Amino acid sequence: MGSDLNRHIFIRDFRLQVSIGIHDFEKDGPQTVVVNIDLLLGPAEAAHGDRIANVLNYDVVHDGIVALAKSRHFNLQETLVEAILDLCLTQPGVVEARVSTEKPDVYKDCRVGYEAVRRRAAG
């Protein structure tokens, strides 16, 4: 496997019900949040051999985000994104994570959201 191969895993348009927001009406119940994730993976240490044990299992990321979304109330999208970044960057082989959230029901004429990118700390 060539070292110049860029490898990404992504989850797109992941719709979740999340308790999120600072306004009283937002605290009455969960809102739809759309999450997008792009994970940059480091060079493969060995060929994957067509075995899930040799690659990042995106079920772990997906299920971790579901659990995170249900775990508490988030005042800000920024806080939710940071928590998802923490989860993603603990996964083996992930070098960088880009995470965005959108609250599609806030305005009728546009989408509003937040995005952040973080690289794994060296060492």
PDB file of N, CA and C in Angstrom:
ATOM      1  N   MET A   1       0.845  -1.170   0.000  1.00  0.00           N
ATOM      2  CA  MET A   1       0.000   0.000   0.000  1.00  0.00           C
ATOM      3  C   MET A   1       0.886   1.227   0.000  1.00  0.00           C
ATOM      4  N   GLY A   2       0.696   2.134  -0.926  1.00  0.00           N
ATOM      5  CA  GLY A   2       1.560   3.301  -1.063  1.00  0.00           C
ATOM      6  C   GLY A   2       1.381   4.300   0.056  1.00  0.00           C
ATOM      7  N   SER A   3       2.453   4.927   0.495  1.00  0.00           N
ATOM      8  CA  SER A   3       2.381   5.892   1.583  1.00  0.00           C
ATOM      9  C   SER A   3       1.749   7.212   1.129  1.00  0.00           C
ATOM     10  N   ASP A   4       1.594   7.412  -0.195  1.00  0.00           N
ATOM     11  CA  ASP A   4       0.990   8.642  -0.683  1.00  0.00           C
ATOM     12  C   ASP A   4      -0.537   8.536  -0.771  1.00  0.00           C
ATOM     13  N   LEU A   5      -1.096   7.452  -0.311  1.00  0.00           N
ATOM     14  CA  LEU A   5      -2.537   7.230  -0.335  1.00  0.00           C
ATOM     15  C   LEU A   5      -3.201   8.010   0.799  1.00  0.00           C
ATOM     16  N   ASN A   6      -4.106   8.937   0.448  1.00  0.00           N
ATOM     17  CA  ASN A   6      -4.900   9.633   1.464  1.00  0.00           C
ATOM     18  C   ASN A   6      -6.133   8.801   1.759  1.00  0.00           C
ATOM     19  N   ARG A   7      -6.328   8.504   3.029  1.00  0.00           N
ATOM     20  CA  ARG A   7      -7.464   7.674   3.427  1.00  0.00           C
ATOM     21  C   ARG A   7      -8.380   8.464   4.344  1.00  0.00           C
ATOM     22  N   HIS A   8      -9.660   8.433   4.033  1.00  0.00           N
ATOM     23  CA  HIS A   8     -10.668   9.126   4.830  1.00  0.00           C
ATOM     24  C   HIS A   8     -11.817   8.172   5.119  1.00  0.00           C
ATOM     25  N   ILE A   9     -12.413   8.361   6.261  1.00  0.00           N
ATOM     26  CA  ILE A   9     -13.710   7.751   6.567  1.00  0.00           C
ATOM     27  C   ILE A   9     -14.643   8.911   6.824  1.00  0.00           C
ATOM     28  N   PHE A  10     -15.848   8.816   6.313  1.00  0.00           N
ATOM     29  CA  PHE A  10     -16.783   9.909   6.545  1.00  0.00           C
ATOM     30  C   PHE A  10     -18.149   9.384   6.926  1.00  0.00           C
ATOM     31  N   ILE A  11     -18.854  10.212   7.656  1.00  0.00           N
ATOM     32  CA  ILE A  11     -20.272  10.013   7.964  1.00  0.00           C
ATOM     33  C   ILE A  11     -20.943  11.306   7.550  1.00  0.00           C
ATOM     34  N   ARG A  12     -21.922  11.196   6.676  1.00  0.00           N
ATOM     35  CA  ARG A  12     -22.567  12.402   6.138  1.00  0.00           C
ATOM     36  C   ARG A  12     -24.056  12.413   6.434  1.00  0.00           C
ATOM     37  N   ASP A  13     -24.532  13.612   6.721  1.00  0.00           N
ATOM     38  CA  ASP A  13     -25.972  13.862   6.905  1.00  0.00           C
ATOM     39  C   ASP A  13     -26.591  12.949   7.960  1.00  0.00           C
ATOM     40  N   PHE A  14     -25.889  12.775   9.051  1.00  0.00           N
ATOM     41  CA  PHE A  14     -26.328  11.955  10.176  1.00  0.00           C
ATOM     42  C   PHE A  14     -27.305  12.788  11.002  1.00  0.00           C
ATOM     43  N   ARG A  15     -28.577  12.430  10.944  1.00  0.00           N
ATOM     44  CA  ARG A  15     -29.634  13.176  11.624  1.00  0.00           C
ATOM     45  C   ARG A  15     -29.894  12.563  12.995  1.00  0.00           C
ATOM     46  N   LEU A  16     -29.778  13.405  14.011  1.00  0.00           N
ATOM     47  CA  LEU A  16     -29.959  12.976  15.393  1.00  0.00           C
ATOM     48  C   LEU A  16     -30.925  13.907  16.108  1.00  0.00           C
ATOM     49  N   GLN A  17     -31.569  13.400  17.127  1.00  0.00           N
ATOM     50  CA  GLN A  17     -32.347  14.229  18.033  1.00  0.00           C
ATOM     51  C   GLN A  17     -31.458  14.537  19.231  1.00  0.00           C
ATOM     52  N   VAL A  18     -31.212  15.826  19.470  1.00  0.00           N
ATOM     53  CA  VAL A  18     -30.278  16.247  20.506  1.00  0.00           C
ATOM     54  C   VAL A  18     -30.932  17.329  21.358  1.00  0.00           C
ATOM     55  N   SER A  19     -30.749  17.242  22.661  1.00  0.00           N
ATOM     56  CA  SER A  19     -31.156  18.328  23.548  1.00  0.00           C
ATOM     57  C   SER A  19     -30.068  19.389  23.451  1.00  0.00           C
ATOM     58  N   ILE A  20     -30.400  20.485  22.751  1.00  0.00           N
ATOM     59  CA  ILE A  20     -29.382  21.505  22.469  1.00  0.00           C
ATOM     60  C   ILE A  20     -30.033  22.879  22.380  1.00  0.00           C
ATOM     61  N   GLY A  21     -29.339  23.878  22.882  1.00  0.00           N
ATOM     62  CA  GLY A  21     -29.792  25.253  22.738  1.00  0.00           C
ATOM     63  C   GLY A  21     -29.787  26.006  24.051  1.00  0.00           C
ATOM     64  N   ILE A  22     -29.734  27.337  23.946  1.00  0.00           N
ATOM     65  CA  ILE A  22     -29.677  28.195  25.123  1.00  0.00           C
ATOM     66  C   ILE A  22     -31.033  28.812  25.469  1.00  0.00           C
ATOM     67  N   HIS A  23     -31.965  28.799  24.519  1.00  0.00           N
ATOM     68  CA  HIS A  23     -33.267  29.419  24.753  1.00  0.00           C
ATOM     69  C   HIS A  23     -34.188  28.452  25.494  1.00  0.00           C
ATOM     70  N   ASP A  24     -35.093  29.015  26.292  1.00  0.00           N
ATOM     71  CA  ASP A  24     -36.009  28.179  27.079  1.00  0.00           C
ATOM     72  C   ASP A  24     -36.786  27.214  26.196  1.00  0.00           C
ATOM     73  N   PHE A  25     -37.278  27.678  25.034  1.00  0.00           N
ATOM     74  CA  PHE A  25     -38.060  26.800  24.164  1.00  0.00           C
ATOM     75  C   PHE A  25     -37.217  25.657  23.614  1.00  0.00           C
ATOM     76  N   GLU A  26     -35.891  25.834  23.541  1.00  0.00           N
ATOM     77  CA  GLU A  26     -35.012  24.775  23.052  1.00  0.00           C
ATOM     78  C   GLU A  26     -34.775  23.706  24.121  1.00  0.00           C
ATOM     79  N   LYS A  27     -35.027  24.063  25.367  1.00  0.00           N
ATOM     80  CA  LYS A  27     -34.806  23.131  26.472  1.00  0.00           C
ATOM     81  C   LYS A  27     -36.036  22.264  26.744  1.00  0.00           C
ATOM     82  N   ASP A  28     -37.140  22.541  26.027  1.00  0.00           N
ATOM     83  CA  ASP A  28     -38.378  21.776  26.212  1.00  0.00           C
ATOM     84  C   ASP A  28     -38.307  20.381  25.605  1.00  0.00           C
ATOM     85  N   GLY A  29     -37.456  20.189  24.623  1.00  0.00           N
ATOM     86  CA  GLY A  29     -37.348  18.885  23.979  1.00  0.00           C
ATOM     87  C   GLY A  29     -36.219  18.887  22.983  1.00  0.00           C
ATOM     88  N   PRO A  30     -35.871  17.702  22.484  1.00  0.00           N
ATOM     89  CA  PRO A  30     -34.754  17.611  21.545  1.00  0.00           C
ATOM     90  C   PRO A  30     -35.062  18.257  20.196  1.00  0.00           C
ATOM     91  N   GLN A  31     -34.003  18.646  19.510  1.00  0.00           N
ATOM     92  CA  GLN A  31     -34.083  19.208  18.167  1.00  0.00           C
ATOM     93  C   GLN A  31     -33.309  18.320  17.212  1.00  0.00           C
ATOM     94  N   THR A  32     -33.632  18.425  15.949  1.00  0.00           N
ATOM     95  CA  THR A  32     -32.855  17.731  14.934  1.00  0.00           C
ATOM     96  C   THR A  32     -31.521  18.442  14.753  1.00  0.00           C
ATOM     97  N   VAL A  33     -30.463  17.665  14.770  1.00  0.00           N
ATOM     98  CA  VAL A  33     -29.119  18.151  14.475  1.00  0.00           C
ATOM     99  C   VAL A  33     -28.551  17.240  13.391  1.00  0.00           C
ATOM    100  N   VAL A  34     -27.957  17.849  12.376  1.00  0.00           N
ATOM    101  CA  VAL A  34     -27.324  17.092  11.293  1.00  0.00           C
ATOM    102  C   VAL A  34     -25.817  17.162  11.507  1.00  0.00           C
ATOM    103  N   VAL A  35     -25.189  15.993  11.585  1.00  0.00           N
ATOM    104  CA  VAL A  35     -23.755  15.904  11.857  1.00  0.00           C
ATOM    105  C   VAL A  35     -23.045  15.371  10.617  1.00  0.00           C
ATOM    106  N   ASN A  36     -21.926  15.998  10.273  1.00  0.00           N
ATOM    107  CA  ASN A  36     -21.054  15.523   9.208  1.00  0.00           C
ATOM    108  C   ASN A  36     -19.648  15.386   9.773  1.00  0.00           C
ATOM    109  N   ILE A  37     -19.016  14.277   9.424  1.00  0.00           N
ATOM    110  CA  ILE A  37     -17.691  13.970   9.950  1.00  0.00           C
ATOM    111  C   ILE A  37     -16.801  13.505   8.811  1.00  0.00           C
ATOM    112  N   ASP A  38     -15.563  13.992   8.801  1.00  0.00           N
ATOM    113  CA  ASP A  38     -14.549  13.500   7.879  1.00  0.00           C
ATOM    114  C   ASP A  38     -13.306  13.214   8.700  1.00  0.00           C
ATOM    115  N   LEU A  39     -12.864  11.987   8.668  1.00  0.00           N
ATOM    116  CA  LEU A  39     -11.693  11.565   9.428  1.00  0.00           C
ATOM    117  C   LEU A  39     -10.547  11.261   8.479  1.00  0.00           C
ATOM    118  N   LEU A  40      -9.433  11.951   8.648  1.00  0.00           N
ATOM    119  CA  LEU A  40      -8.220  11.673   7.897  1.00  0.00           C
ATOM    120  C   LEU A  40      -7.451  10.616   8.662  1.00  0.00           C
ATOM    121  N   LEU A  41      -7.137   9.526   7.969  1.00  0.00           N
ATOM    122  CA  LEU A  41      -6.424   8.418   8.594  1.00  0.00           C
ATOM    123  C   LEU A  41      -4.948   8.484   8.242  1.00  0.00           C
ATOM    124  N   GLY A  42      -4.120   8.039   9.152  1.00  0.00           N
ATOM    125  CA  GLY A  42      -2.697   7.953   8.894  1.00  0.00           C
ATOM    126  C   GLY A  42      -2.406   6.825   7.929  1.00  0.00           C
ATOM    127  N   PRO A  43      -1.155   6.720   7.481  1.00  0.00           N
ATOM    128  CA  PRO A  43      -0.790   5.630   6.570  1.00  0.00           C
ATOM    129  C   PRO A  43      -1.092   4.273   7.201  1.00  0.00           C
ATOM    130  N   ALA A  44      -1.565   3.375   6.388  1.00  0.00           N
ATOM    131  CA  ALA A  44      -1.846   2.022   6.864  1.00  0.00           C
ATOM    132  C   ALA A  44      -0.538   1.340   7.239  1.00  0.00           C
ATOM    133  N   GLU A  45      -0.519   0.703   8.395  1.00  0.00           N
ATOM    134  CA  GLU A  45       0.685   0.003   8.834  1.00  0.00           C
ATOM    135  C   GLU A  45       0.866  -1.307   8.083  1.00  0.00           C
ATOM    136  N   ALA A  46      -0.241  -1.862   7.618  1.00  0.00           N
ATOM    137  CA  ALA A  46      -0.198  -3.122   6.864  1.00  0.00           C
ATOM    138  C   ALA A  46      -1.439  -3.177   5.982  1.00  0.00           C
ATOM    139  N   ALA A  47      -1.438  -4.077   5.040  1.00  0.00           N
ATOM    140  CA  ALA A  47      -2.608  -4.261   4.187  1.00  0.00           C
ATOM    141  C   ALA A  47      -3.789  -4.704   5.054  1.00  0.00           C
ATOM    142  N   HIS A  48      -4.970  -4.216   4.717  1.00  0.00           N
ATOM    143  CA  HIS A  48      -6.138  -4.541   5.533  1.00  0.00           C
ATOM    144  C   HIS A  48      -6.615  -5.980   5.355  1.00  0.00           C
ATOM    145  N   GLY A  49      -6.265  -6.627   4.255  1.00  0.00           N
ATOM    146  CA  GLY A  49      -6.628  -8.029   4.054  1.00  0.00           C
ATOM    147  C   GLY A  49      -8.127  -8.264   4.024  1.00  0.00           C
ATOM    148  N   ASP A  50      -8.882  -7.204   3.745  1.00  0.00           N
ATOM    149  CA  ASP A  50     -10.338  -7.296   3.667  1.00  0.00           C
ATOM    150  C   ASP A  50     -10.949  -7.751   4.989  1.00  0.00           C
ATOM    151  N   ARG A  51     -10.324  -7.333   6.102  1.00  0.00           N
ATOM    152  CA  ARG A  51     -10.792  -7.704   7.439  1.00  0.00           C
ATOM    153  C   ARG A  51     -11.092  -6.459   8.249  1.00  0.00           C
ATOM    154  N   ILE A  52     -12.271  -6.422   8.873  1.00  0.00           N
ATOM    155  CA  ILE A  52     -12.680  -5.272   9.678  1.00  0.00           C
ATOM    156  C   ILE A  52     -11.723  -5.020  10.835  1.00  0.00           C
ATOM    157  N   ALA A  53     -11.092  -6.047  11.346  1.00  0.00           N
ATOM    158  CA  ALA A  53     -10.167  -5.889  12.466  1.00  0.00           C
ATOM    159  C   ALA A  53      -8.953  -5.040  12.092  1.00  0.00           C
ATOM    160  N   ASN A  54      -8.696  -4.881  10.790  1.00  0.00           N
ATOM    161  CA  ASN A  54      -7.511  -4.155  10.331  1.00  0.00           C
ATOM    162  C   ASN A  54      -7.804  -2.734   9.865  1.00  0.00           C
ATOM    163  N   VAL A  55      -9.024  -2.261  10.076  1.00  0.00           N
ATOM    164  CA  VAL A  55      -9.393  -0.894   9.677  1.00  0.00           C
ATOM    165  C   VAL A  55     -10.206  -0.257  10.792  1.00  0.00           C
ATOM    166  N   LEU A  56     -10.425   1.048  10.683  1.00  0.00           N
ATOM    167  CA  LEU A  56     -11.273   1.746  11.638  1.00  0.00           C
ATOM    168  C   LEU A  56     -12.727   1.351  11.385  1.00  0.00           C
ATOM    169  N   ASN A  57     -13.373   0.826  12.385  1.00  0.00           N
ATOM    170  CA  ASN A  57     -14.767   0.411  12.286  1.00  0.00           C
ATOM    171  C   ASN A  57     -15.644   1.633  12.533  1.00  0.00           C
ATOM    172  N   TYR A  58     -16.305   2.132  11.508  1.00  0.00           N
ATOM    173  CA  TYR A  58     -17.101   3.347  11.674  1.00  0.00           C
ATOM    174  C   TYR A  58     -18.328   3.139  12.534  1.00  0.00           C
ATOM    175  N   ASP A  59     -18.689   1.872  12.823  1.00  0.00           N
ATOM    176  CA  ASP A  59     -19.770   1.620  13.784  1.00  0.00           C
ATOM    177  C   ASP A  59     -19.423   2.221  15.145  1.00  0.00           C
ATOM    178  N   VAL A  60     -18.153   2.151  15.520  1.00  0.00           N
ATOM    179  CA  VAL A  60     -17.715   2.677  16.810  1.00  0.00           C
ATOM    180  C   VAL A  60     -17.944   4.187  16.865  1.00  0.00           C
ATOM    181  N   VAL A  61     -17.624   4.881  15.787  1.00  0.00           N
ATOM    182  CA  VAL A  61     -17.825   6.331  15.726  1.00  0.00           C
ATOM    183  C   VAL A  61     -19.319   6.645  15.716  1.00  0.00           C
ATOM    184  N   HIS A  62     -20.064   5.981  14.851  1.00  0.00           N
ATOM    185  CA  HIS A  62     -21.508   6.198  14.748  1.00  0.00           C
ATOM    186  C   HIS A  62     -22.196   5.993  16.092  1.00  0.00           C
ATOM    187  N   ASP A  63     -21.954   4.837  16.704  1.00  0.00           N
ATOM    188  CA  ASP A  63     -22.621   4.511  17.958  1.00  0.00           C
ATOM    189  C   ASP A  63     -22.154   5.420  19.093  1.00  0.00           C
ATOM    190  N   GLY A  64     -20.901   5.829  19.057  1.00  0.00           N
ATOM    191  CA  GLY A  64     -20.387   6.768  20.057  1.00  0.00           C
ATOM    192  C   GLY A  64     -21.066   8.115  19.971  1.00  0.00           C
ATOM    193  N   ILE A  65     -21.338   8.574  18.767  1.00  0.00           N
ATOM    194  CA  ILE A  65     -22.023   9.858  18.583  1.00  0.00           C
ATOM    195  C   ILE A  65     -23.473   9.753  19.063  1.00  0.00           C
ATOM    196  N   VAL A  66     -24.128   8.631  18.772  1.00  0.00           N
ATOM    197  CA  VAL A  66     -25.500   8.425  19.260  1.00  0.00           C
ATOM    198  C   VAL A  66     -25.523   8.500  20.783  1.00  0.00           C
ATOM    199  N   ALA A  67     -24.601   7.810  21.428  1.00  0.00           N
ATOM    200  CA  ALA A  67     -24.539   7.814  22.893  1.00  0.00           C
ATOM    201  C   ALA A  67     -24.249   9.214  23.422  1.00  0.00           C
ATOM    202  N   LEU A  68     -23.342   9.910  22.778  1.00  0.00           N
ATOM    203  CA  LEU A  68     -22.994  11.274  23.171  1.00  0.00           C
ATOM    204  C   LEU A  68     -24.205  12.200  23.055  1.00  0.00           C
ATOM    205  N   ALA A  69     -24.933  12.091  21.965  1.00  0.00           N
ATOM    206  CA  ALA A  69     -26.103  12.944  21.730  1.00  0.00           C
ATOM    207  C   ALA A  69     -27.173  12.734  22.795  1.00  0.00           C
ATOM    208  N   LYS A  70     -27.253  11.527  23.327  1.00  0.00           N
ATOM    209  CA  LYS A  70     -28.262  11.208  24.345  1.00  0.00           C
ATOM    210  C   LYS A  70     -27.781  11.478  25.764  1.00  0.00           C
ATOM    211  N   SER A  71     -26.504  11.789  25.928  1.00  0.00           N
ATOM    212  CA  SER A  71     -25.894  11.803  27.251  1.00  0.00           C
ATOM    213  C   SER A  71     -26.228  13.016  28.105  1.00  0.00           C
ATOM    214  N   ARG A  72     -26.588  14.150  27.474  1.00  0.00           N
ATOM    215  CA  ARG A  72     -26.746  15.388  28.248  1.00  0.00           C
ATOM    216  C   ARG A  72     -27.362  16.469  27.390  1.00  0.00           C
ATOM    217  N   HIS A  73     -27.603  17.614  27.999  1.00  0.00           N
ATOM    218  CA  HIS A  73     -28.025  18.798  27.257  1.00  0.00           C
ATOM    219  C   HIS A  73     -26.772  19.576  26.865  1.00  0.00           C
ATOM    220  N   PHE A  74     -26.737  20.034  25.628  1.00  0.00           N
ATOM    221  CA  PHE A  74     -25.649  20.883  25.133  1.00  0.00           C
ATOM    222  C   PHE A  74     -26.220  22.281  24.921  1.00  0.00           C
ATOM    223  N   ASN A  75     -25.612  23.285  25.518  1.00  0.00           N
ATOM    224  CA  ASN A  75     -26.055  24.655  25.267  1.00  0.00           C
ATOM    225  C   ASN A  75     -25.699  25.086  23.849  1.00  0.00           C
ATOM    226  N   LEU A  76     -24.509  24.709  23.394  1.00  0.00           N
ATOM    227  CA  LEU A  76     -23.971  25.228  22.136  1.00  0.00           C
ATOM    228  C   LEU A  76     -23.590  24.110  21.175  1.00  0.00           C
ATOM    229  N   GLN A  77     -23.735  24.396  19.881  1.00  0.00           N
ATOM    230  CA  GLN A  77     -23.238  23.474  18.870  1.00  0.00           C
ATOM    231  C   GLN A  77     -21.729  23.309  19.014  1.00  0.00           C
ATOM    232  N   GLU A  78     -21.043  24.371  19.389  1.00  0.00           N
ATOM    233  CA  GLU A  78     -19.593  24.314  19.552  1.00  0.00           C
ATOM    234  C   GLU A  78     -19.194  23.242  20.564  1.00  0.00           C
ATOM    235  N   THR A  79     -19.951  23.136  21.650  1.00  0.00           N
ATOM    236  CA  THR A  79     -19.656  22.143  22.688  1.00  0.00           C
ATOM    237  C   THR A  79     -19.883  20.730  22.169  1.00  0.00           C
ATOM    238  N   LEU A  80     -20.959  20.533  21.431  1.00  0.00           N
ATOM    239  CA  LEU A  80     -21.240  19.226  20.838  1.00  0.00           C
ATOM    240  C   LEU A  80     -20.146  18.840  19.850  1.00  0.00           C
ATOM    241  N   VAL A  81     -19.742  19.773  18.999  1.00  0.00           N
ATOM    242  CA  VAL A  81     -18.680  19.498  18.021  1.00  0.00           C
ATOM    243  C   VAL A  81     -17.377  19.128  18.735  1.00  0.00           C
ATOM    244  N   GLU A  82     -17.027  19.847  19.784  1.00  0.00           N
ATOM    245  CA  GLU A  82     -15.794  19.537  20.520  1.00  0.00           C
ATOM    246  C   GLU A  82     -15.850  18.131  21.114  1.00  0.00           C
ATOM    247  N   ALA A  83     -17.004  17.742  21.642  1.00  0.00           N
ATOM    248  CA  ALA A  83     -17.148  16.400  22.213  1.00  0.00           C
ATOM    249  C   ALA A  83     -17.017  15.323  21.134  1.00  0.00           C
ATOM    250  N   ILE A  84     -17.573  15.582  19.958  1.00  0.00           N
ATOM    251  CA  ILE A  84     -17.453  14.621  18.851  1.00  0.00           C
ATOM    252  C   ILE A  84     -16.003  14.547  18.369  1.00  0.00           C
ATOM    253  N   LEU A  85     -15.325  15.690  18.303  1.00  0.00           N
ATOM    254  CA  LEU A  85     -13.902  15.688  17.939  1.00  0.00           C
ATOM    255  C   LEU A  85     -13.095  14.843  18.923  1.00  0.00           C
ATOM    256  N   ASP A  86     -13.363  15.001  20.212  1.00  0.00           N
ATOM    257  CA  ASP A  86     -12.661  14.201  21.226  1.00  0.00           C
ATOM    258  C   ASP A  86     -12.860  12.712  20.951  1.00  0.00           C
ATOM    259  N   LEU A  87     -14.101  12.319  20.700  1.00  0.00           N
ATOM    260  CA  LEU A  87     -14.416  10.921  20.408  1.00  0.00           C
ATOM    261  C   LEU A  87     -13.655  10.432  19.185  1.00  0.00           C
ATOM    262  N   CYS A  88     -13.694  11.211  18.118  1.00  0.00           N
ATOM    263  CA  CYS A  88     -13.069  10.795  16.860  1.00  0.00           C
ATOM    264  C   CYS A  88     -11.557  10.662  16.979  1.00  0.00           C
ATOM    265  N   LEU A  89     -10.937  11.584  17.681  1.00  0.00           N
ATOM    266  CA  LEU A  89      -9.483  11.588  17.758  1.00  0.00           C
ATOM    267  C   LEU A  89      -8.930  10.537  18.718  1.00  0.00           C
ATOM    268  N   THR A  90      -9.798   9.853  19.433  1.00  0.00           N
ATOM    269  CA  THR A  90      -9.333   8.732  20.261  1.00  0.00           C
ATOM    270  C   THR A  90      -9.338   7.421  19.475  1.00  0.00           C
ATOM    271  N   GLN A  91      -9.859   7.448  18.259  1.00  0.00           N
ATOM    272  CA  GLN A  91      -9.934   6.223  17.455  1.00  0.00           C
ATOM    273  C   GLN A  91      -8.570   5.923  16.833  1.00  0.00           C
ATOM    274  N   PRO A  92      -8.184   4.658  16.788  1.00  0.00           N
ATOM    275  CA  PRO A  92      -6.878   4.283  16.228  1.00  0.00           C
ATOM    276  C   PRO A  92      -6.741   4.719  14.774  1.00  0.00           C
ATOM    277  N   GLY A  93      -5.605   5.327  14.465  1.00  0.00           N
ATOM    278  CA  GLY A  93      -5.294   5.695  13.091  1.00  0.00           C
ATOM    279  C   GLY A  93      -5.819   7.039  12.642  1.00  0.00           C
ATOM    280  N   VAL A  94      -6.687   7.680  13.437  1.00  0.00           N
ATOM    281  CA  VAL A  94      -7.238   8.975  13.040  1.00  0.00           C
ATOM    282  C   VAL A  94      -6.207  10.059  13.331  1.00  0.00           C
ATOM    283  N   VAL A  95      -5.844  10.803  12.295  1.00  0.00           N
ATOM    284  CA  VAL A  95      -4.849  11.863  12.393  1.00  0.00           C
ATOM    285  C   VAL A  95      -5.520  13.228  12.538  1.00  0.00           C
ATOM    286  N   GLU A  96      -6.633  13.401  11.846  1.00  0.00           N
ATOM    287  CA  GLU A  96      -7.340  14.685  11.851  1.00  0.00           C
ATOM    288  C   GLU A  96      -8.829  14.414  11.714  1.00  0.00           C
ATOM    289  N   ALA A  97      -9.626  15.245  12.367  1.00  0.00           N
ATOM    290  CA  ALA A  97     -11.076  15.115  12.273  1.00  0.00           C
ATOM    291  C   ALA A  97     -11.682  16.478  11.943  1.00  0.00           C
ATOM    292  N   ARG A  98     -12.627  16.455  11.029  1.00  0.00           N
ATOM    293  CA  ARG A  98     -13.432  17.635  10.690  1.00  0.00           C
ATOM    294  C   ARG A  98     -14.867  17.273  11.046  1.00  0.00           C
ATOM    295  N   VAL A  99     -15.477  18.072  11.900  1.00  0.00           N
ATOM    296  CA  VAL A  99     -16.837  17.798  12.362  1.00  0.00           C
ATOM    297  C   VAL A  99     -17.671  19.056  12.210  1.00  0.00           C
ATOM    298  N   SER A 100     -18.868  18.885  11.659  1.00  0.00           N
ATOM    299  CA  SER A 100     -19.809  19.999  11.593  1.00  0.00           C
ATOM    300  C   SER A 100     -21.163  19.551  12.103  1.00  0.00           C
ATOM    301  N   THR A 101     -21.886  20.522  12.661  1.00  0.00           N
ATOM    302  CA  THR A 101     -23.266  20.296  13.059  1.00  0.00           C
ATOM    303  C   THR A 101     -24.117  21.399  12.453  1.00  0.00           C
ATOM    304  N   GLU A 102     -25.354  21.051  12.162  1.00  0.00           N
ATOM    305  CA  GLU A 102     -26.326  22.023  11.668  1.00  0.00           C
ATOM    306  C   GLU A 102     -27.622  21.817  12.418  1.00  0.00           C
ATOM    307  N   LYS A 103     -28.307  22.923  12.698  1.00  0.00           N
ATOM    308  CA  LYS A 103     -29.654  22.872  13.240  1.00  0.00           C
ATOM    309  C   LYS A 103     -30.582  23.335  12.108  1.00  0.00           C
ATOM    310  N   PRO A 104     -31.146  22.396  11.345  1.00  0.00           N
ATOM    311  CA  PRO A 104     -31.872  22.757  10.124  1.00  0.00           C
ATOM    312  C   PRO A 104     -33.211  23.444  10.354  1.00  0.00           C
ATOM    313  N   ASP A 105     -33.725  23.404  11.574  1.00  0.00           N
ATOM    314  CA  ASP A 105     -35.050  23.949  11.814  1.00  0.00           C
ATOM    315  C   ASP A 105     -35.035  25.334  12.461  1.00  0.00           C
ATOM    316  N   VAL A 106     -33.863  25.949  12.608  1.00  0.00           N
ATOM    317  CA  VAL A 106     -33.772  27.256  13.248  1.00  0.00           C
ATOM    318  C   VAL A 106     -34.397  28.341  12.367  1.00  0.00           C
ATOM    319  N   TYR A 107     -34.028  28.367  11.088  1.00  0.00           N
ATOM    320  CA  TYR A 107     -34.540  29.367  10.140  1.00  0.00           C
ATOM    321  C   TYR A 107     -35.138  28.650   8.943  1.00  0.00           C
ATOM    322  N   LYS A 108     -36.121  29.268   8.339  1.00  0.00           N
ATOM    323  CA  LYS A 108     -36.750  28.683   7.146  1.00  0.00           C
ATOM    324  C   LYS A 108     -35.959  28.985   5.873  1.00  0.00           C
ATOM    325  N   ASP A 109     -35.119  30.037   5.908  1.00  0.00           N
ATOM    326  CA  ASP A 109     -34.466  30.482   4.684  1.00  0.00           C
ATOM    327  C   ASP A 109     -32.977  30.121   4.587  1.00  0.00           C
ATOM    328  N   CYS A 110     -32.456  29.380   5.567  1.00  0.00           N
ATOM    329  CA  CYS A 110     -31.043  28.994   5.488  1.00  0.00           C
ATOM    330  C   CYS A 110     -30.758  27.884   6.496  1.00  0.00           C
ATOM    331  N   ARG A 111     -29.559  27.333   6.390  1.00  0.00           N
ATOM    332  CA  ARG A 111     -29.072  26.360   7.356  1.00  0.00           C
ATOM    333  C   ARG A 111     -28.037  27.056   8.228  1.00  0.00           C
ATOM    334  N   VAL A 112     -28.000  26.727   9.481  1.00  0.00           N
ATOM    335  CA  VAL A 112     -27.061  27.353  10.401  1.00  0.00           C
ATOM    336  C   VAL A 112     -26.305  26.255  11.146  1.00  0.00           C
ATOM    337  N   GLY A 113     -24.988  26.453  11.285  1.00  0.00           N
ATOM    338  CA  GLY A 113     -24.207  25.411  11.933  1.00  0.00           C
ATOM    339  C   GLY A 113     -22.846  25.881  12.371  1.00  0.00           C
ATOM    340  N   TYR A 114     -22.051  24.904  12.762  1.00  0.00           N
ATOM    341  CA  TYR A 114     -20.692  25.158  13.250  1.00  0.00           C
ATOM    342  C   TYR A 114     -19.800  24.024  12.779  1.00  0.00           C
ATOM    343  N   GLU A 115     -18.546  24.355  12.455  1.00  0.00           N
ATOM    344  CA  GLU A 115     -17.584  23.355  12.010  1.00  0.00           C
ATOM    345  C   GLU A 115     -16.236  23.633  12.639  1.00  0.00           C
ATOM    346  N   ALA A 116     -15.530  22.567  12.988  1.00  0.00           N
ATOM    347  CA  ALA A 116     -14.175  22.696  13.519  1.00  0.00           C
ATOM    348  C   ALA A 116     -13.337  21.531  13.021  1.00  0.00           C
ATOM    349  N   VAL A 117     -12.027  21.783  12.912  1.00  0.00           N
ATOM    350  CA  VAL A 117     -11.065  20.773  12.484  1.00  0.00           C
ATOM    351  C   VAL A 117      -9.981  20.712  13.568  1.00  0.00           C
ATOM    352  N   ARG A 118      -9.630  19.493  13.944  1.00  0.00           N
ATOM    353  CA  ARG A 118      -8.561  19.336  14.924  1.00  0.00           C
ATOM    354  C   ARG A 118      -7.687  18.161  14.517  1.00  0.00           C
ATOM    355  N   ARG A 119      -6.370  18.342  14.708  1.00  0.00           N
ATOM    356  CA  ARG A 119      -5.407  17.254  14.469  1.00  0.00           C
ATOM    357  C   ARG A 119      -5.073  16.602  15.804  1.00  0.00           C
ATOM    358  N   ARG A 120      -4.743  15.316  15.718  1.00  0.00           N
ATOM    359  CA  ARG A 120      -4.318  14.583  16.912  1.00  0.00           C
ATOM    360  C   ARG A 120      -3.041  15.230  17.441  1.00  0.00           C
ATOM    361  N   ALA A 121      -2.952  15.350  18.746  1.00  0.00           N
ATOM    362  CA  ALA A 121      -1.753  15.897  19.360  1.00  0.00           C
ATOM    363  C   ALA A 121      -0.561  14.992  19.064  1.00  0.00           C
ATOM    364  N   ALA A 122       0.579  15.595  18.805  1.00  0.00           N
ATOM    365  CA  ALA A 122       1.794  14.817  18.521  1.00  0.00           C
ATOM    366  C   ALA A 122       2.233  14.082  19.774  1.00  0.00           C
ATOM    367  N   GLY A 123       2.764  12.890  19.549  1.00  0.00           N
ATOM    368  CA  GLY A 123       3.324  12.158  20.677  1.00  0.00           C
ATOM    369  C   GLY A 123       2.601  10.979  20.994  1.00  0.00           C
TER     370      GLY A 123
END
